[in-house]
Amino acid sequence: MKDTHIPDQTSPSPQPATWRIVLAFILDFFTAFWVLGFLVASILGGRTENGFELNGLSAIVFFASIVAYFVVFNKYLGGTIWKRLLKAKR
C-alpha cells in the first residue's frame, strides 16, 4: 500500500508581539483623537487658539467618529493605520 499521508501545511502563522499590539492601539487612539478632533472642531466650530474644544453635540460626534474609526478600519479595511504599519494584526 502506498502512503498517502500529506503533511499539514497549514501551520498557524506566528502571532505579533504583545507590545506591538498595545503600541498600535495607543498610537491609533492618539492619532484618531487629534486628527478627528481637529476635523470635527473645524467642521462644527470648536477650534481654539490652543487646539480644539468640543462640547455637546460636537463632542458626541467626535466620540462616535473615534469608535467608527476603529470599527471601520478593523472590519472593512484590514486593520487600523498603526496596526498595519507595526504589523500587529492578529
PDB file of N, CA and C in Angstrom:
ATOM      1  N   MET A   1       0.817  -1.171   0.000  1.00  0.00           N
ATOM      2  CA  MET A   1       0.000   0.000   0.000  1.00  0.00           C
ATOM      3  C   MET A   1       0.867   1.242   0.000  1.00  0.00           C
ATOM      4  N   LYS A   2       0.405   2.243  -0.693  1.00  0.00           N
ATOM      5  CA  LYS A   2       1.132   3.492  -0.832  1.00  0.00           C
ATOM      6  C   LYS A   2       0.748   4.445   0.309  1.00  0.00           C
ATOM      7  N   ASP A   3       1.738   5.137   0.860  1.00  0.00           N
ATOM      8  CA  ASP A   3       1.470   6.095   1.938  1.00  0.00           C
ATOM      9  C   ASP A   3       0.926   7.385   1.329  1.00  0.00           C
ATOM     10  N   THR A   4      -0.320   7.698   1.632  1.00  0.00           N
ATOM     11  CA  THR A   4      -0.968   8.884   1.061  1.00  0.00           C
ATOM     12  C   THR A   4      -1.083  10.015   2.076  1.00  0.00           C
ATOM     13  N   HIS A   5      -0.344   9.898   3.152  1.00  0.00           N
ATOM     14  CA  HIS A   5      -0.398  10.944   4.169  1.00  0.00           C
ATOM     15  C   HIS A   5       0.338  12.187   3.659  1.00  0.00           C
ATOM     16  N   ILE A   6      -0.374  13.318   3.635  1.00  0.00           N
ATOM     17  CA  ILE A   6       0.206  14.591   3.222  1.00  0.00           C
ATOM     18  C   ILE A   6       0.457  15.408   4.484  1.00  0.00           C
ATOM     19  N   PRO A   7       1.681  15.894   4.658  1.00  0.00           N
ATOM     20  CA  PRO A   7       1.958  16.676   5.863  1.00  0.00           C
ATOM     21  C   PRO A   7       1.101  17.941   5.910  1.00  0.00           C
ATOM     22  N   ASP A   8       0.756  18.332   7.119  1.00  0.00           N
ATOM     23  CA  ASP A   8      -0.077  19.509   7.328  1.00  0.00           C
ATOM     24  C   ASP A   8       0.732  20.762   6.991  1.00  0.00           C
ATOM     25  N   GLN A   9       0.292  21.478   5.965  1.00  0.00           N
ATOM     26  CA  GLN A   9       0.992  22.683   5.556  1.00  0.00           C
ATOM     27  C   GLN A   9       0.248  23.943   5.982  1.00  0.00           C
ATOM     28  N   THR A  10      -0.721  23.789   6.828  1.00  0.00           N
ATOM     29  CA  THR A  10      -1.492  24.933   7.303  1.00  0.00           C
ATOM     30  C   THR A  10      -1.106  25.277   8.732  1.00  0.00           C
ATOM     31  N   SER A  11       0.196  25.348   8.978  1.00  0.00           N
ATOM     32  CA  SER A  11       0.646  25.686  10.319  1.00  0.00           C
ATOM     33  C   SER A  11       0.258  27.133  10.621  1.00  0.00           C
ATOM     34  N   PRO A  12      -0.105  27.377  11.865  1.00  0.00           N
ATOM     35  CA  PRO A  12      -0.539  28.729  12.208  1.00  0.00           C
ATOM     36  C   PRO A  12       0.584  29.737  12.052  1.00  0.00           C
ATOM     37  N   SER A  13       0.222  30.922  11.552  1.00  0.00           N
ATOM     38  CA  SER A  13       1.238  31.958  11.400  1.00  0.00           C
ATOM     39  C   SER A  13       1.585  32.521  12.775  1.00  0.00           C
ATOM     40  N   PRO A  14       2.801  32.968  12.942  1.00  0.00           N
ATOM     41  CA  PRO A  14       3.205  33.481  14.257  1.00  0.00           C
ATOM     42  C   PRO A  14       2.402  34.728  14.626  1.00  0.00           C
ATOM     43  N   GLN A  15       2.030  34.801  15.889  1.00  0.00           N
ATOM     44  CA  GLN A  15       1.271  35.942  16.393  1.00  0.00           C
ATOM     45  C   GLN A  15       2.219  37.118  16.615  1.00  0.00           C
ATOM     46  N   PRO A  16       1.727  38.359  16.411  1.00  0.00           N
ATOM     47  CA  PRO A  16       2.599  39.511  16.676  1.00  0.00           C
ATOM     48  C   PRO A  16       2.858  39.656  18.172  1.00  0.00           C
ATOM     49  N   ALA A  17       3.951  40.292  18.499  1.00  0.00           N
ATOM     50  CA  ALA A  17       4.304  40.512  19.901  1.00  0.00           C
ATOM     51  C   ALA A  17       3.259  41.403  20.563  1.00  0.00           C
ATOM     52  N   THR A  18       3.019  41.165  21.824  1.00  0.00           N
ATOM     53  CA  THR A  18       2.010  41.927  22.566  1.00  0.00           C
ATOM     54  C   THR A  18       2.347  43.407  22.585  1.00  0.00           C
ATOM     55  N   TRP A  19       3.621  43.755  22.695  1.00  0.00           N
ATOM     56  CA  TRP A  19       3.998  45.166  22.737  1.00  0.00           C
ATOM     57  C   TRP A  19       3.611  45.872  21.454  1.00  0.00           C
ATOM     58  N   ARG A  20       3.658  45.172  20.313  1.00  0.00           N
ATOM     59  CA  ARG A  20       3.242  45.784  19.043  1.00  0.00           C
ATOM     60  C   ARG A  20       1.755  46.087  19.038  1.00  0.00           C
ATOM     61  N   ILE A  21       0.969  45.168  19.556  1.00  0.00           N
ATOM     62  CA  ILE A  21      -0.480  45.349  19.589  1.00  0.00           C
ATOM     63  C   ILE A  21      -0.854  46.514  20.500  1.00  0.00           C
ATOM     64  N   VAL A  22      -0.228  46.576  21.671  1.00  0.00           N
ATOM     65  CA  VAL A  22      -0.513  47.652  22.628  1.00  0.00           C
ATOM     66  C   VAL A  22      -0.058  48.997  22.069  1.00  0.00           C
ATOM     67  N   LEU A  23       1.147  49.041  21.515  1.00  0.00           N
ATOM     68  CA  LEU A  23       1.658  50.282  20.948  1.00  0.00           C
ATOM     69  C   LEU A  23       0.790  50.753  19.780  1.00  0.00           C
ATOM     70  N   ALA A  24       0.353  49.825  18.942  1.00  0.00           N
ATOM     71  CA  ALA A  24      -0.512  50.185  17.812  1.00  0.00           C
ATOM     72  C   ALA A  24      -1.815  50.795  18.314  1.00  0.00           C
ATOM     73  N   PHE A  25      -2.408  50.215  19.359  1.00  0.00           N
ATOM     74  CA  PHE A  25      -3.656  50.764  19.900  1.00  0.00           C
ATOM     75  C   PHE A  25      -3.439  52.170  20.448  1.00  0.00           C
ATOM     76  N   ILE A  26      -2.366  52.372  21.206  1.00  0.00           N
ATOM     77  CA  ILE A  26      -2.094  53.687  21.792  1.00  0.00           C
ATOM     78  C   ILE A  26      -1.875  54.724  20.692  1.00  0.00           C
ATOM     79  N   LEU A  27      -1.064  54.395  19.703  1.00  0.00           N
ATOM     80  CA  LEU A  27      -0.806  55.328  18.609  1.00  0.00           C
ATOM     81  C   LEU A  27      -2.062  55.588  17.783  1.00  0.00           C
ATOM     82  N   ASP A  28      -2.866  54.559  17.562  1.00  0.00           N
ATOM     83  CA  ASP A  28      -4.133  54.739  16.851  1.00  0.00           C
ATOM     84  C   ASP A  28      -5.067  55.656  17.616  1.00  0.00           C
ATOM     85  N   PHE A  29      -5.139  55.468  18.924  1.00  0.00           N
ATOM     86  CA  PHE A  29      -6.030  56.301  19.726  1.00  0.00           C
ATOM     87  C   PHE A  29      -5.598  57.771  19.668  1.00  0.00           C
ATOM     88  N   PHE A  30      -4.305  58.041  19.867  1.00  0.00           N
ATOM     89  CA  PHE A  30      -3.835  59.421  19.815  1.00  0.00           C
ATOM     90  C   PHE A  30      -3.976  60.020  18.421  1.00  0.00           C
ATOM     91  N   THR A  31      -3.699  59.237  17.393  1.00  0.00           N
ATOM     92  CA  THR A  31      -3.866  59.718  16.027  1.00  0.00           C
ATOM     93  C   THR A  31      -5.328  60.054  15.758  1.00  0.00           C
ATOM     94  N   ALA A  32      -6.234  59.142  16.112  1.00  0.00           N
ATOM     95  CA  ALA A  32      -7.660  59.392  15.909  1.00  0.00           C
ATOM     96  C   ALA A  32      -8.125  60.585  16.730  1.00  0.00           C
ATOM     97  N   PHE A  33      -7.644  60.688  17.970  1.00  0.00           N
ATOM     98  CA  PHE A  33      -8.045  61.791  18.840  1.00  0.00           C
ATOM     99  C   PHE A  33      -7.685  63.132  18.208  1.00  0.00           C
ATOM    100  N   TRP A  34      -6.440  63.302  17.795  1.00  0.00           N
ATOM    101  CA  TRP A  34      -6.008  64.593  17.270  1.00  0.00           C
ATOM    102  C   TRP A  34      -6.565  64.871  15.887  1.00  0.00           C
ATOM    103  N   VAL A  35      -6.486  63.919  14.990  1.00  0.00           N
ATOM    104  CA  VAL A  35      -6.954  64.152  13.620  1.00  0.00           C
ATOM    105  C   VAL A  35      -8.463  64.348  13.597  1.00  0.00           C
ATOM    106  N   LEU A  36      -9.199  63.429  14.209  1.00  0.00           N
ATOM    107  CA  LEU A  36     -10.658  63.550  14.204  1.00  0.00           C
ATOM    108  C   LEU A  36     -11.119  64.726  15.054  1.00  0.00           C
ATOM    109  N   GLY A  37     -10.401  65.027  16.129  1.00  0.00           N
ATOM    110  CA  GLY A  37     -10.742  66.185  16.948  1.00  0.00           C
ATOM    111  C   GLY A  37     -10.646  67.478  16.158  1.00  0.00           C
ATOM    112  N   PHE A  38      -9.541  67.657  15.447  1.00  0.00           N
ATOM    113  CA  PHE A  38      -9.389  68.859  14.638  1.00  0.00           C
ATOM    114  C   PHE A  38     -10.394  68.883  13.493  1.00  0.00           C
ATOM    115  N   LEU A  39     -10.678  67.736  12.908  1.00  0.00           N
ATOM    116  CA  LEU A  39     -11.646  67.664  11.813  1.00  0.00           C
ATOM    117  C   LEU A  39     -13.048  68.052  12.288  1.00  0.00           C
ATOM    118  N   VAL A  40     -13.500  67.439  13.375  1.00  0.00           N
ATOM    119  CA  VAL A  40     -14.828  67.748  13.913  1.00  0.00           C
ATOM    120  C   VAL A  40     -14.881  69.194  14.380  1.00  0.00           C
ATOM    121  N   ALA A  41     -13.832  69.662  15.036  1.00  0.00           N
ATOM    122  CA  ALA A  41     -13.803  71.050  15.514  1.00  0.00           C
ATOM    123  C   ALA A  41     -13.820  72.034  14.341  1.00  0.00           C
ATOM    124  N   SER A  42     -13.144  71.702  13.267  1.00  0.00           N
ATOM    125  CA  SER A  42     -13.133  72.589  12.102  1.00  0.00           C
ATOM    126  C   SER A  42     -14.500  72.655  11.445  1.00  0.00           C
ATOM    127  N   ILE A  43     -15.171  71.530  11.373  1.00  0.00           N
ATOM    128  CA  ILE A  43     -16.482  71.484  10.718  1.00  0.00           C
ATOM    129  C   ILE A  43     -17.568  72.088  11.604  1.00  0.00           C
ATOM    130  N   LEU A  44     -17.547  71.762  12.897  1.00  0.00           N
ATOM    131  CA  LEU A  44     -18.627  72.187  13.791  1.00  0.00           C
ATOM    132  C   LEU A  44     -18.274  73.398  14.652  1.00  0.00           C
ATOM    133  N   GLY A  45     -17.138  74.019  14.414  1.00  0.00           N
ATOM    134  CA  GLY A  45     -16.800  75.260  15.079  1.00  0.00           C
ATOM    135  C   GLY A  45     -16.280  75.132  16.492  1.00  0.00           C
ATOM    136  N   GLY A  46     -15.378  74.237  16.752  1.00  0.00           N
ATOM    137  CA  GLY A  46     -14.818  74.094  18.089  1.00  0.00           C
ATOM    138  C   GLY A  46     -13.336  74.386  18.162  1.00  0.00           C
ATOM    139  N   ARG A  47     -12.763  74.986  17.097  1.00  0.00           N
ATOM    140  CA  ARG A  47     -11.323  75.292  17.098  1.00  0.00           C
ATOM    141  C   ARG A  47     -11.044  76.464  18.014  1.00  0.00           C
ATOM    142  N   THR A  48      -9.912  76.393  18.721  1.00  0.00           N
ATOM    143  CA  THR A  48      -9.452  77.480  19.580  1.00  0.00           C
ATOM    144  C   THR A  48      -8.012  77.801  19.215  1.00  0.00           C
ATOM    145  N   GLU A  49      -7.445  78.809  19.861  1.00  0.00           N
ATOM    146  CA  GLU A  49      -6.045  79.163  19.602  1.00  0.00           C
ATOM    147  C   GLU A  49      -5.102  78.044  20.018  1.00  0.00           C
ATOM    148  N   ASN A  50      -5.483  77.290  21.037  1.00  0.00           N
ATOM    149  CA  ASN A  50      -4.623  76.228  21.566  1.00  0.00           C
ATOM    150  C   ASN A  50      -4.970  74.842  21.042  1.00  0.00           C
ATOM    151  N   GLY A  51      -5.882  74.729  20.115  1.00  0.00           N
ATOM    152  CA  GLY A  51      -6.268  73.416  19.595  1.00  0.00           C
ATOM    153  C   GLY A  51      -7.747  73.362  19.306  1.00  0.00           C
ATOM    154  N   PHE A  52      -8.464  72.564  20.111  1.00  0.00           N
ATOM    155  CA  PHE A  52      -9.903  72.460  19.917  1.00  0.00           C
ATOM    156  C   PHE A  52     -10.590  72.199  21.244  1.00  0.00           C
ATOM    157  N   GLU A  53     -11.862  72.583  21.291  1.00  0.00           N
ATOM    158  CA  GLU A  53     -12.688  72.358  22.470  1.00  0.00           C
ATOM    159  C   GLU A  53     -14.066  71.947  21.979  1.00  0.00           C
ATOM    160  N   LEU A  54     -14.483  70.753  22.361  1.00  0.00           N
ATOM    161  CA  LEU A  54     -15.756  70.218  21.885  1.00  0.00           C
ATOM    162  C   LEU A  54     -16.710  70.018  23.057  1.00  0.00           C
ATOM    163  N   ASN A  55     -17.933  70.485  22.880  1.00  0.00           N
ATOM    164  CA  ASN A  55     -18.979  70.356  23.902  1.00  0.00           C
ATOM    165  C   ASN A  55     -20.271  69.928  23.233  1.00  0.00           C
ATOM    166  N   GLY A  56     -21.108  69.254  23.979  1.00  0.00           N
ATOM    167  CA  GLY A  56     -22.443  68.906  23.491  1.00  0.00           C
ATOM    168  C   GLY A  56     -22.426  67.992  22.290  1.00  0.00           C
ATOM    169  N   LEU A  57     -23.157  68.392  21.254  1.00  0.00           N
ATOM    170  CA  LEU A  57     -23.307  67.577  20.054  1.00  0.00           C
ATOM    171  C   LEU A  57     -21.968  67.323  19.365  1.00  0.00           C
ATOM    172  N   SER A  58     -21.111  68.335  19.315  1.00  0.00           N
ATOM    173  CA  SER A  58     -19.816  68.135  18.651  1.00  0.00           C
ATOM    174  C   SER A  58     -18.965  67.096  19.383  1.00  0.00           C
ATOM    175  N   ALA A  59     -19.064  67.039  20.703  1.00  0.00           N
ATOM    176  CA  ALA A  59     -18.334  66.018  21.469  1.00  0.00           C
ATOM    177  C   ALA A  59     -18.888  64.625  21.187  1.00  0.00           C
ATOM    178  N   ILE A  60     -20.197  64.514  21.071  1.00  0.00           N
ATOM    179  CA  ILE A  60     -20.817  63.218  20.756  1.00  0.00           C
ATOM    180  C   ILE A  60     -20.390  62.761  19.364  1.00  0.00           C
ATOM    181  N   VAL A  61     -20.401  63.684  18.399  1.00  0.00           N
ATOM    182  CA  VAL A  61     -19.954  63.357  17.043  1.00  0.00           C
ATOM    183  C   VAL A  61     -18.491  62.920  17.063  1.00  0.00           C
ATOM    184  N   PHE A  62     -17.684  63.600  17.844  1.00  0.00           N
ATOM    185  CA  PHE A  62     -16.271  63.278  17.962  1.00  0.00           C
ATOM    186  C   PHE A  62     -16.064  61.868  18.514  1.00  0.00           C
ATOM    187  N   PHE A  63     -16.718  61.547  19.628  1.00  0.00           N
ATOM    188  CA  PHE A  63     -16.555  60.214  20.214  1.00  0.00           C
ATOM    189  C   PHE A  63     -17.095  59.126  19.286  1.00  0.00           C
ATOM    190  N   ALA A  64     -18.205  59.408  18.615  1.00  0.00           N
ATOM    191  CA  ALA A  64     -18.750  58.437  17.655  1.00  0.00           C
ATOM    192  C   ALA A  64     -17.783  58.229  16.496  1.00  0.00           C
ATOM    193  N   SER A  65     -17.099  59.288  16.076  1.00  0.00           N
ATOM    194  CA  SER A  65     -16.150  59.142  14.967  1.00  0.00           C
ATOM    195  C   SER A  65     -14.920  58.326  15.379  1.00  0.00           C
ATOM    196  N   ILE A  66     -14.515  58.418  16.638  1.00  0.00           N
ATOM    197  CA  ILE A  66     -13.397  57.590  17.117  1.00  0.00           C
ATOM    198  C   ILE A  66     -13.802  56.110  17.108  1.00  0.00           C
ATOM    199  N   VAL A  67     -14.992  55.824  17.601  1.00  0.00           N
ATOM    200  CA  VAL A  67     -15.488  54.443  17.582  1.00  0.00           C
ATOM    201  C   VAL A  67     -15.589  53.953  16.143  1.00  0.00           C
ATOM    202  N   ALA A  68     -16.135  54.792  15.260  1.00  0.00           N
ATOM    203  CA  ALA A  68     -16.278  54.419  13.852  1.00  0.00           C
ATOM    204  C   ALA A  68     -14.913  54.168  13.208  1.00  0.00           C
ATOM    205  N   TYR A  69     -13.915  54.941  13.578  1.00  0.00           N
ATOM    206  CA  TYR A  69     -12.559  54.740  13.050  1.00  0.00           C
ATOM    207  C   TYR A  69     -12.083  53.317  13.325  1.00  0.00           C
ATOM    208  N   PHE A  70     -12.196  52.887  14.586  1.00  0.00           N
ATOM    209  CA  PHE A  70     -11.723  51.550  14.941  1.00  0.00           C
ATOM    210  C   PHE A  70     -12.570  50.459  14.291  1.00  0.00           C
ATOM    211  N   VAL A  71     -13.873  50.629  14.267  1.00  0.00           N
ATOM    212  CA  VAL A  71     -14.755  49.614  13.693  1.00  0.00           C
ATOM    213  C   VAL A  71     -14.540  49.493  12.188  1.00  0.00           C
ATOM    214  N   VAL A  72     -14.581  50.612  11.484  1.00  0.00           N
ATOM    215  CA  VAL A  72     -14.467  50.579  10.020  1.00  0.00           C
ATOM    216  C   VAL A  72     -13.097  50.072   9.588  1.00  0.00           C
ATOM    217  N   PHE A  73     -12.046  50.606  10.182  1.00  0.00           N
ATOM    218  CA  PHE A  73     -10.707  50.185   9.763  1.00  0.00           C
ATOM    219  C   PHE A  73     -10.459  48.713  10.074  1.00  0.00           C
ATOM    220  N   ASN A  74     -10.860  48.242  11.241  1.00  0.00           N
ATOM    221  CA  ASN A  74     -10.609  46.839  11.591  1.00  0.00           C
ATOM    222  C   ASN A  74     -11.496  45.882  10.815  1.00  0.00           C
ATOM    223  N   LYS A  75     -12.743  46.236  10.611  1.00  0.00           N
ATOM    224  CA  LYS A  75     -13.675  45.302   9.978  1.00  0.00           C
ATOM    225  C   LYS A  75     -13.586  45.315   8.456  1.00  0.00           C
ATOM    226  N   TYR A  76     -13.440  46.502   7.864  1.00  0.00           N
ATOM    227  CA  TYR A  76     -13.534  46.606   6.412  1.00  0.00           C
ATOM    228  C   TYR A  76     -12.221  46.903   5.701  1.00  0.00           C
ATOM    229  N   LEU A  77     -11.243  47.446   6.392  1.00  0.00           N
ATOM    230  CA  LEU A  77     -10.011  47.851   5.719  1.00  0.00           C
ATOM    231  C   LEU A  77      -8.789  47.050   6.151  1.00  0.00           C
ATOM    232  N   GLY A  78      -8.975  45.979   6.866  1.00  0.00           N
ATOM    233  CA  GLY A  78      -7.864  45.092   7.204  1.00  0.00           C
ATOM    234  C   GLY A  78      -6.988  45.551   8.350  1.00  0.00           C
ATOM    235  N   GLY A  79      -7.456  46.452   9.158  1.00  0.00           N
ATOM    236  CA  GLY A  79      -6.688  46.909  10.314  1.00  0.00           C
ATOM    237  C   GLY A  79      -6.503  48.415  10.304  1.00  0.00           C
ATOM    238  N   THR A  80      -6.263  48.961  11.477  1.00  0.00           N
ATOM    239  CA  THR A  80      -6.065  50.402  11.591  1.00  0.00           C
ATOM    240  C   THR A  80      -4.716  50.798  11.007  1.00  0.00           C
ATOM    241  N   ILE A  81      -4.500  52.084  10.921  1.00  0.00           N
ATOM    242  CA  ILE A  81      -3.271  52.589  10.309  1.00  0.00           C
ATOM    243  C   ILE A  81      -2.040  52.056  11.031  1.00  0.00           C
ATOM    244  N   TRP A  82      -2.004  52.205  12.356  1.00  0.00           N
ATOM    245  CA  TRP A  82      -0.824  51.781  13.103  1.00  0.00           C
ATOM    246  C   TRP A  82      -0.718  50.267  13.212  1.00  0.00           C
ATOM    247  N   LYS A  83      -1.830  49.542  13.201  1.00  0.00           N
ATOM    248  CA  LYS A  83      -1.756  48.074  13.182  1.00  0.00           C
ATOM    249  C   LYS A  83      -1.058  47.596  11.922  1.00  0.00           C
ATOM    250  N   ARG A  84      -1.371  48.254  10.831  1.00  0.00           N
ATOM    251  CA  ARG A  84      -0.767  47.856   9.564  1.00  0.00           C
ATOM    252  C   ARG A  84       0.703  48.248   9.509  1.00  0.00           C
ATOM    253  N   LEU A  85       1.030  49.455   9.996  1.00  0.00           N
ATOM    254  CA  LEU A  85       2.425  49.896   9.971  1.00  0.00           C
ATOM    255  C   LEU A  85       3.314  49.055  10.886  1.00  0.00           C
ATOM    256  N   LEU A  86       2.797  48.678  12.055  1.00  0.00           N
ATOM    257  CA  LEU A  86       3.579  47.887  13.011  1.00  0.00           C
ATOM    258  C   LEU A  86       3.411  46.381  12.831  1.00  0.00           C
ATOM    259  N   LYS A  87       2.618  45.988  11.841  1.00  0.00           N
ATOM    260  CA  LYS A  87       2.334  44.566  11.581  1.00  0.00           C
ATOM    261  C   LYS A  87       1.837  43.876  12.850  1.00  0.00           C
ATOM    262  N   ALA A  88       0.813  44.494  13.458  1.00  0.00           N
ATOM    263  CA  ALA A  88       0.285  43.996  14.717  1.00  0.00           C
ATOM    264  C   ALA A  88      -1.095  43.372  14.553  1.00  0.00           C
ATOM    265  N   LYS A  89      -1.410  42.891  13.357  1.00  0.00           N
ATOM    266  CA  LYS A  89      -2.705  42.264  13.119  1.00  0.00           C
ATOM    267  C   LYS A  89      -2.708  40.838  13.620  1.00  0.00           C
ATOM    268  N   ARG A  90      -3.795  40.442  14.273  1.00  0.00           N
ATOM    269  CA  ARG A  90      -3.944  39.056  14.721  1.00  0.00           C
ATOM    270  C   ARG A  90      -4.690  38.253  13.711  1.00  0.00           C
TER     271      ARG A  90
END
